[in-house]
Amino acid sequence: MTSQDTQERENTPAIPSVPEGTPGRDSRAELPTPLPPGAQQPWRRHGPGNRTWVVVITALAGVVMAVIGVFAVGFGFARTAFDRTGAVVLFPTEYRPSDTACSGTDAAAEVKKGAKVVFHARDTSFNATLGAGTLRGGRCVFQFTLSALDVDTDVNYRVTVGGVDGTPVSGAELANSSAPVVVYVS
């Protein structure tokens, strides 16, 4: 072996360039050089695994959201959580239909669009206003929306619709947000 052969061997790369897909090809040959040891992201100044700042920020965000929620409910711009829908129902002997609506007759003559629905128990009362009456299943039905903020679930509420007595409603029924409140006029 001559010195010229030795020089040529030293100038050749350690891993020869082999075409893509050739068995025995080392894919690590094209990888970039590794980064120096230590934290690479500036937000990991406190070291890997130290997440106290995440807990602190999450706790602060929770407190801010709670304060905003109390403010929203206290000043009334988040009222939908307390609004209840309901209906006053008149049976066929208690209403008269028109071409587009229906309204009460005889003893229930005051049950009509715009009449007040009053829920009353002890020192608490809630008011609502009736919408237009519509015929449904042979009955005259008036829709209303009730904003009840202080419902006592252990009390029954007496109901009047335009001065006419309706069926009593329990406080638990008023507090239940999944079903509408139904009042029958008798």
C-alpha atoms as a PDB file:
ATOM      1  CA  MET A   1       0.000   0.000   0.000  1.00  0.00           C
ATOM      2  CA  THR A   2       1.451   3.312  -0.987  1.00  0.00           C
ATOM      3  CA  SER A   3       1.139   6.617   0.771  1.00  0.00           C
ATOM      4  CA  GLN A   4      -1.097   7.816  -2.039  1.00  0.00           C
ATOM      5  CA  ASP A   5      -3.635   5.024  -1.268  1.00  0.00           C
ATOM      6  CA  THR A   6      -3.610   6.051   2.398  1.00  0.00           C
ATOM      7  CA  GLN A   7      -4.270   9.679   1.566  1.00  0.00           C
ATOM      8  CA  GLU A   8      -7.236   8.798  -0.656  1.00  0.00           C
ATOM      9  CA  ARG A   9      -8.726   6.632   2.071  1.00  0.00           C
ATOM     10  CA  GLU A  10      -8.500   9.463   4.657  1.00  0.00           C
ATOM     11  CA  ASN A  11     -10.370  11.903   2.350  1.00  0.00           C
ATOM     12  CA  THR A  12     -13.376   9.616   1.836  1.00  0.00           C
ATOM     13  CA  PRO A  13     -16.371  10.095   4.170  1.00  0.00           C
ATOM     14  CA  ALA A  14     -16.891   7.614   7.017  1.00  0.00           C
ATOM     15  CA  ILE A  15     -20.441   6.823   5.824  1.00  0.00           C
ATOM     16  CA  PRO A  16     -20.600   6.495   2.059  1.00  0.00           C
ATOM     17  CA  SER A  17     -23.453   8.189   0.181  1.00  0.00           C
ATOM     18  CA  VAL A  18     -25.836   5.372  -0.667  1.00  0.00           C
ATOM     19  CA  PRO A  19     -28.940   5.893  -2.847  1.00  0.00           C
ATOM     20  CA  GLU A  20     -32.344   6.136  -1.106  1.00  0.00           C
ATOM     21  CA  GLY A  21     -34.019   2.750  -0.502  1.00  0.00           C
ATOM     22  CA  THR A  22     -30.802   0.720  -0.575  1.00  0.00           C
ATOM     23  CA  PRO A  23     -30.636  -1.922   2.176  1.00  0.00           C
ATOM     24  CA  GLY A  24     -28.128  -0.982   4.830  1.00  0.00           C
ATOM     25  CA  ARG A  25     -28.504   2.762   4.231  1.00  0.00           C
ATOM     26  CA  ASP A  26     -28.010   4.735   7.484  1.00  0.00           C
ATOM     27  CA  SER A  27     -30.720   7.441   7.686  1.00  0.00           C
ATOM     28  CA  ARG A  28     -28.905   9.096  10.599  1.00  0.00           C
ATOM     29  CA  ALA A  29     -26.261  10.353   8.207  1.00  0.00           C
ATOM     30  CA  GLU A  30     -28.471  13.319   7.180  1.00  0.00           C
ATOM     31  CA  LEU A  31     -29.584  14.372  10.713  1.00  0.00           C
ATOM     32  CA  PRO A  32     -28.484  17.818  11.914  1.00  0.00           C
ATOM     33  CA  THR A  33     -26.043  18.091  14.747  1.00  0.00           C
ATOM     34  CA  PRO A  34     -27.644  17.936  18.212  1.00  0.00           C
ATOM     35  CA  LEU A  35     -28.275  21.116  20.214  1.00  0.00           C
ATOM     36  CA  PRO A  36     -26.130  21.790  23.265  1.00  0.00           C
ATOM     37  CA  PRO A  37     -27.444  20.387  26.580  1.00  0.00           C
ATOM     38  CA  GLY A  38     -29.822  22.510  28.695  1.00  0.00           C
ATOM     39  CA  ALA A  39     -33.248  24.102  28.356  1.00  0.00           C
ATOM     40  CA  GLN A  40     -33.979  25.212  24.782  1.00  0.00           C
ATOM     41  CA  GLN A  41     -37.296  27.078  25.344  1.00  0.00           C
ATOM     42  CA  PRO A  42     -37.181  30.427  27.185  1.00  0.00           C
ATOM     43  CA  TRP A  43     -40.408  29.646  29.078  1.00  0.00           C
ATOM     44  CA  ARG A  44     -38.757  26.661  30.763  1.00  0.00           C
ATOM     45  CA  ARG A  45     -36.373  28.839  32.778  1.00  0.00           C
ATOM     46  CA  HIS A  46     -37.355  27.075  35.966  1.00  0.00           C
ATOM     47  CA  GLY A  47     -36.215  23.760  34.562  1.00  0.00           C
ATOM     48  CA  PRO A  48     -38.045  20.868  32.971  1.00  0.00           C
ATOM     49  CA  GLY A  49     -40.875  19.487  35.061  1.00  0.00           C
ATOM     50  CA  ASN A  50     -41.335  22.645  37.155  1.00  0.00           C
ATOM     51  CA  ARG A  51     -44.903  23.731  36.405  1.00  0.00           C
ATOM     52  CA  THR A  52     -45.763  25.945  39.394  1.00  0.00           C
ATOM     53  CA  TRP A  53     -46.269  28.924  37.094  1.00  0.00           C
ATOM     54  CA  VAL A  54     -48.944  26.976  35.180  1.00  0.00           C
ATOM     55  CA  VAL A  55     -50.822  26.275  38.440  1.00  0.00           C
ATOM     56  CA  VAL A  56     -50.583  29.926  39.508  1.00  0.00           C
ATOM     57  CA  ILE A  57     -51.888  31.233  36.165  1.00  0.00           C
ATOM     58  CA  THR A  58     -54.730  28.672  36.142  1.00  0.00           C
ATOM     59  CA  ALA A  59     -55.756  29.627  39.686  1.00  0.00           C
ATOM     60  CA  LEU A  60     -55.737  33.341  38.799  1.00  0.00           C
ATOM     61  CA  ALA A  61     -57.837  32.702  35.692  1.00  0.00           C
ATOM     62  CA  GLY A  62     -60.367  30.760  37.798  1.00  0.00           C
ATOM     63  CA  VAL A  63     -60.663  33.570  40.338  1.00  0.00           C
ATOM     64  CA  VAL A  64     -61.144  36.168  37.587  1.00  0.00           C
ATOM     65  CA  MET A  65     -63.847  34.035  35.926  1.00  0.00           C
ATOM     66  CA  ALA A  66     -65.664  33.588  39.256  1.00  0.00           C
ATOM     67  CA  VAL A  67     -65.654  37.333  39.925  1.00  0.00           C
ATOM     68  CA  ILE A  68     -67.003  38.031  36.428  1.00  0.00           C
ATOM     69  CA  GLY A  69     -69.729  35.398  36.927  1.00  0.00           C
ATOM     70  CA  VAL A  70     -70.855  36.900  40.242  1.00  0.00           C
ATOM     71  CA  PHE A  71     -70.872  40.351  38.665  1.00  0.00           C
ATOM     72  CA  ALA A  72     -72.899  39.098  35.664  1.00  0.00           C
ATOM     73  CA  VAL A  73     -75.557  37.429  37.815  1.00  0.00           C
ATOM     74  CA  GLY A  74     -75.664  40.253  40.360  1.00  0.00           C
ATOM     75  CA  PHE A  75     -76.264  42.966  37.776  1.00  0.00           C
ATOM     76  CA  GLY A  76     -78.654  40.962  35.650  1.00  0.00           C
ATOM     77  CA  PHE A  77     -77.030  40.606  32.264  1.00  0.00           C
ATOM     78  CA  ALA A  78     -76.822  36.817  32.715  1.00  0.00           C
ATOM     79  CA  ARG A  79     -80.530  36.352  33.428  1.00  0.00           C
ATOM     80  CA  THR A  80     -81.188  33.366  31.160  1.00  0.00           C
ATOM     81  CA  ALA A  81     -80.078  30.986  33.901  1.00  0.00           C
ATOM     82  CA  PHE A  82     -83.097  32.072  35.967  1.00  0.00           C
ATOM     83  CA  ASP A  83     -85.730  32.580  33.250  1.00  0.00           C
ATOM     84  CA  ARG A  84     -88.423  29.904  33.140  1.00  0.00           C
ATOM     85  CA  THR A  85     -90.931  29.333  30.414  1.00  0.00           C
ATOM     86  CA  GLY A  86     -94.454  28.295  31.189  1.00  0.00           C
ATOM     87  CA  ALA A  87     -97.979  28.007  29.914  1.00  0.00           C
ATOM     88  CA  VAL A  88    -101.475  28.735  31.162  1.00  0.00           C
ATOM     89  CA  VAL A  89    -103.982  26.184  29.867  1.00  0.00           C
ATOM     90  CA  LEU A  90    -107.737  26.696  29.410  1.00  0.00           C
ATOM     91  CA  PHE A  91    -110.056  23.755  28.747  1.00  0.00           C
ATOM     92  CA  PRO A  92    -112.740  23.912  25.996  1.00  0.00           C
ATOM     93  CA  THR A  93    -115.474  25.202  28.310  1.00  0.00           C
ATOM     94  CA  GLU A  94    -113.278  28.099  29.464  1.00  0.00           C
ATOM     95  CA  TYR A  95    -112.236  29.732  26.161  1.00  0.00           C
ATOM     96  CA  ARG A  96    -113.534  31.007  22.853  1.00  0.00           C
ATOM     97  CA  PRO A  97    -111.476  30.701  19.676  1.00  0.00           C
ATOM     98  CA  SER A  98    -111.059  33.392  17.043  1.00  0.00           C
ATOM     99  CA  ASP A  99    -109.579  33.139  13.545  1.00  0.00           C
ATOM    100  CA  THR A 100    -105.985  33.421  14.787  1.00  0.00           C
ATOM    101  CA  ALA A 101    -106.017  33.108  18.586  1.00  0.00           C
ATOM    102  CA  CYS A 102    -108.128  32.228  21.623  1.00  0.00           C
ATOM    103  CA  SER A 103    -109.015  33.884  24.921  1.00  0.00           C
ATOM    104  CA  GLY A 104    -110.862  33.081  28.119  1.00  0.00           C
ATOM    105  CA  THR A 105    -114.611  33.316  28.495  1.00  0.00           C
ATOM    106  CA  ASP A 106    -117.175  33.428  31.333  1.00  0.00           C
ATOM    107  CA  ALA A 107    -115.315  33.016  34.666  1.00  0.00           C
ATOM    108  CA  ALA A 108    -111.956  33.041  32.842  1.00  0.00           C
ATOM    109  CA  ALA A 109    -112.729  36.142  30.745  1.00  0.00           C
ATOM    110  CA  GLU A 110    -109.683  37.995  32.148  1.00  0.00           C
ATOM    111  CA  VAL A 111    -107.327  35.299  30.848  1.00  0.00           C
ATOM    112  CA  LYS A 112    -106.094  36.885  27.626  1.00  0.00           C
ATOM    113  CA  LYS A 113    -102.960  38.290  26.009  1.00  0.00           C
ATOM    114  CA  GLY A 114    -101.236  40.759  28.361  1.00  0.00           C
ATOM    115  CA  ALA A 115    -102.852  39.416  31.557  1.00  0.00           C
ATOM    116  CA  LYS A 116    -100.607  39.144  34.630  1.00  0.00           C
ATOM    117  CA  VAL A 117     -99.663  35.740  36.026  1.00  0.00           C
ATOM    118  CA  VAL A 118     -98.789  36.082  39.725  1.00  0.00           C
ATOM    119  CA  PHE A 119     -97.054  33.359  41.773  1.00  0.00           C
ATOM    120  CA  HIS A 120     -97.427  34.137  45.489  1.00  0.00           C
ATOM    121  CA  ALA A 121     -96.222  32.419  48.702  1.00  0.00           C
ATOM    122  CA  ARG A 122     -95.594  34.000  52.112  1.00  0.00           C
ATOM    123  CA  ASP A 123     -93.686  37.242  51.444  1.00  0.00           C
ATOM    124  CA  THR A 124     -92.517  36.307  47.934  1.00  0.00           C
ATOM    125  CA  SER A 125     -94.253  36.878  44.613  1.00  0.00           C
ATOM    126  CA  PHE A 126     -93.238  36.613  40.965  1.00  0.00           C
ATOM    127  CA  ASN A 127     -95.002  38.187  37.983  1.00  0.00           C
ATOM    128  CA  ALA A 128     -95.183  37.264  34.322  1.00  0.00           C
ATOM    129  CA  THR A 129     -97.217  38.486  31.355  1.00  0.00           C
ATOM    130  CA  LEU A 130     -99.223  36.194  29.080  1.00  0.00           C
ATOM    131  CA  GLY A 131     -98.540  36.014  25.369  1.00  0.00           C
ATOM    132  CA  ALA A 132    -101.237  35.397  22.761  1.00  0.00           C
ATOM    133  CA  GLY A 133    -103.417  32.316  23.169  1.00  0.00           C
ATOM    134  CA  THR A 134    -103.042  29.496  20.638  1.00  0.00           C
ATOM    135  CA  LEU A 135    -105.095  26.356  20.135  1.00  0.00           C
ATOM    136  CA  ARG A 136    -103.228  23.138  20.888  1.00  0.00           C
ATOM    137  CA  GLY A 137    -104.843  19.750  21.317  1.00  0.00           C
ATOM    138  CA  GLY A 138    -108.317  21.202  21.941  1.00  0.00           C
ATOM    139  CA  ARG A 139    -107.061  23.584  24.608  1.00  0.00           C
ATOM    140  CA  CYS A 140    -106.204  27.282  24.635  1.00  0.00           C
ATOM    141  CA  VAL A 141    -102.551  27.735  25.654  1.00  0.00           C
ATOM    142  CA  PHE A 142    -100.890  31.027  26.660  1.00  0.00           C
ATOM    143  CA  GLN A 143     -97.080  31.170  26.878  1.00  0.00           C
ATOM    144  CA  PHE A 144     -95.187  33.245  29.468  1.00  0.00           C
ATOM    145  CA  THR A 145     -91.632  33.752  30.700  1.00  0.00           C
ATOM    146  CA  LEU A 146     -90.997  33.991  34.425  1.00  0.00           C
ATOM    147  CA  SER A 147     -87.879  35.453  36.055  1.00  0.00           C
ATOM    148  CA  ALA A 148     -87.786  33.845  39.494  1.00  0.00           C
ATOM    149  CA  LEU A 149     -84.631  34.570  41.462  1.00  0.00           C
ATOM    150  CA  ASP A 150     -85.634  33.529  45.016  1.00  0.00           C
ATOM    151  CA  VAL A 151     -87.665  30.352  44.734  1.00  0.00           C
ATOM    152  CA  ASP A 152     -88.232  28.430  47.965  1.00  0.00           C
ATOM    153  CA  THR A 153     -88.366  24.771  46.898  1.00  0.00           C
ATOM    154  CA  ASP A 154     -90.218  23.714  50.085  1.00  0.00           C
ATOM    155  CA  VAL A 155     -93.236  25.983  49.515  1.00  0.00           C
ATOM    156  CA  ASN A 156     -96.291  25.769  47.231  1.00  0.00           C
ATOM    157  CA  TYR A 157     -97.081  28.943  45.295  1.00  0.00           C
ATOM    158  CA  ARG A 158    -100.651  30.174  44.803  1.00  0.00           C
ATOM    159  CA  VAL A 159    -101.248  31.284  41.193  1.00  0.00           C
ATOM    160  CA  THR A 160    -103.642  33.871  39.799  1.00  0.00           C
ATOM    161  CA  VAL A 161    -104.015  34.676  36.102  1.00  0.00           C
ATOM    162  CA  GLY A 162    -105.674  38.038  35.464  1.00  0.00           C
ATOM    163  CA  GLY A 163    -107.368  37.752  38.865  1.00  0.00           C
ATOM    164  CA  VAL A 164    -108.620  34.210  38.181  1.00  0.00           C
ATOM    165  CA  ASP A 165    -107.321  31.375  40.366  1.00  0.00           C
ATOM    166  CA  GLY A 166    -105.069  28.805  38.754  1.00  0.00           C
ATOM    167  CA  THR A 167    -103.688  25.503  39.987  1.00  0.00           C
ATOM    168  CA  PRO A 168    -100.966  25.887  42.666  1.00  0.00           C
ATOM    169  CA  VAL A 169     -97.351  25.253  41.650  1.00  0.00           C
ATOM    170  CA  SER A 170     -94.644  23.819  43.908  1.00  0.00           C
ATOM    171  CA  GLY A 171     -91.403  25.690  44.483  1.00  0.00           C
ATOM    172  CA  ALA A 172     -89.492  22.617  43.305  1.00  0.00           C
ATOM    173  CA  GLU A 173     -91.377  22.815  39.997  1.00  0.00           C
ATOM    174  CA  LEU A 174     -90.469  26.514  39.644  1.00  0.00           C
ATOM    175  CA  ALA A 175     -86.818  25.770  40.421  1.00  0.00           C
ATOM    176  CA  ASN A 176     -86.621  22.882  37.926  1.00  0.00           C
ATOM    177  CA  SER A 177     -85.083  24.303  34.760  1.00  0.00           C
ATOM    178  CA  SER A 178     -85.702  21.290  32.517  1.00  0.00           C
ATOM    179  CA  ALA A 179     -89.507  21.421  32.215  1.00  0.00           C
ATOM    180  CA  PRO A 180     -91.902  24.315  31.595  1.00  0.00           C
ATOM    181  CA  VAL A 181     -94.246  25.462  34.355  1.00  0.00           C
ATOM    182  CA  VAL A 182     -97.872  24.561  33.536  1.00  0.00           C
ATOM    183  CA  VAL A 183    -100.817  26.327  35.191  1.00  0.00           C
ATOM    184  CA  TYR A 184    -104.413  25.225  34.626  1.00  0.00           C
ATOM    185  CA  VAL A 185    -107.214  27.736  35.157  1.00  0.00           C
ATOM    186  CA  SER A 186    -110.256  26.256  36.855  1.00  0.00           C
END
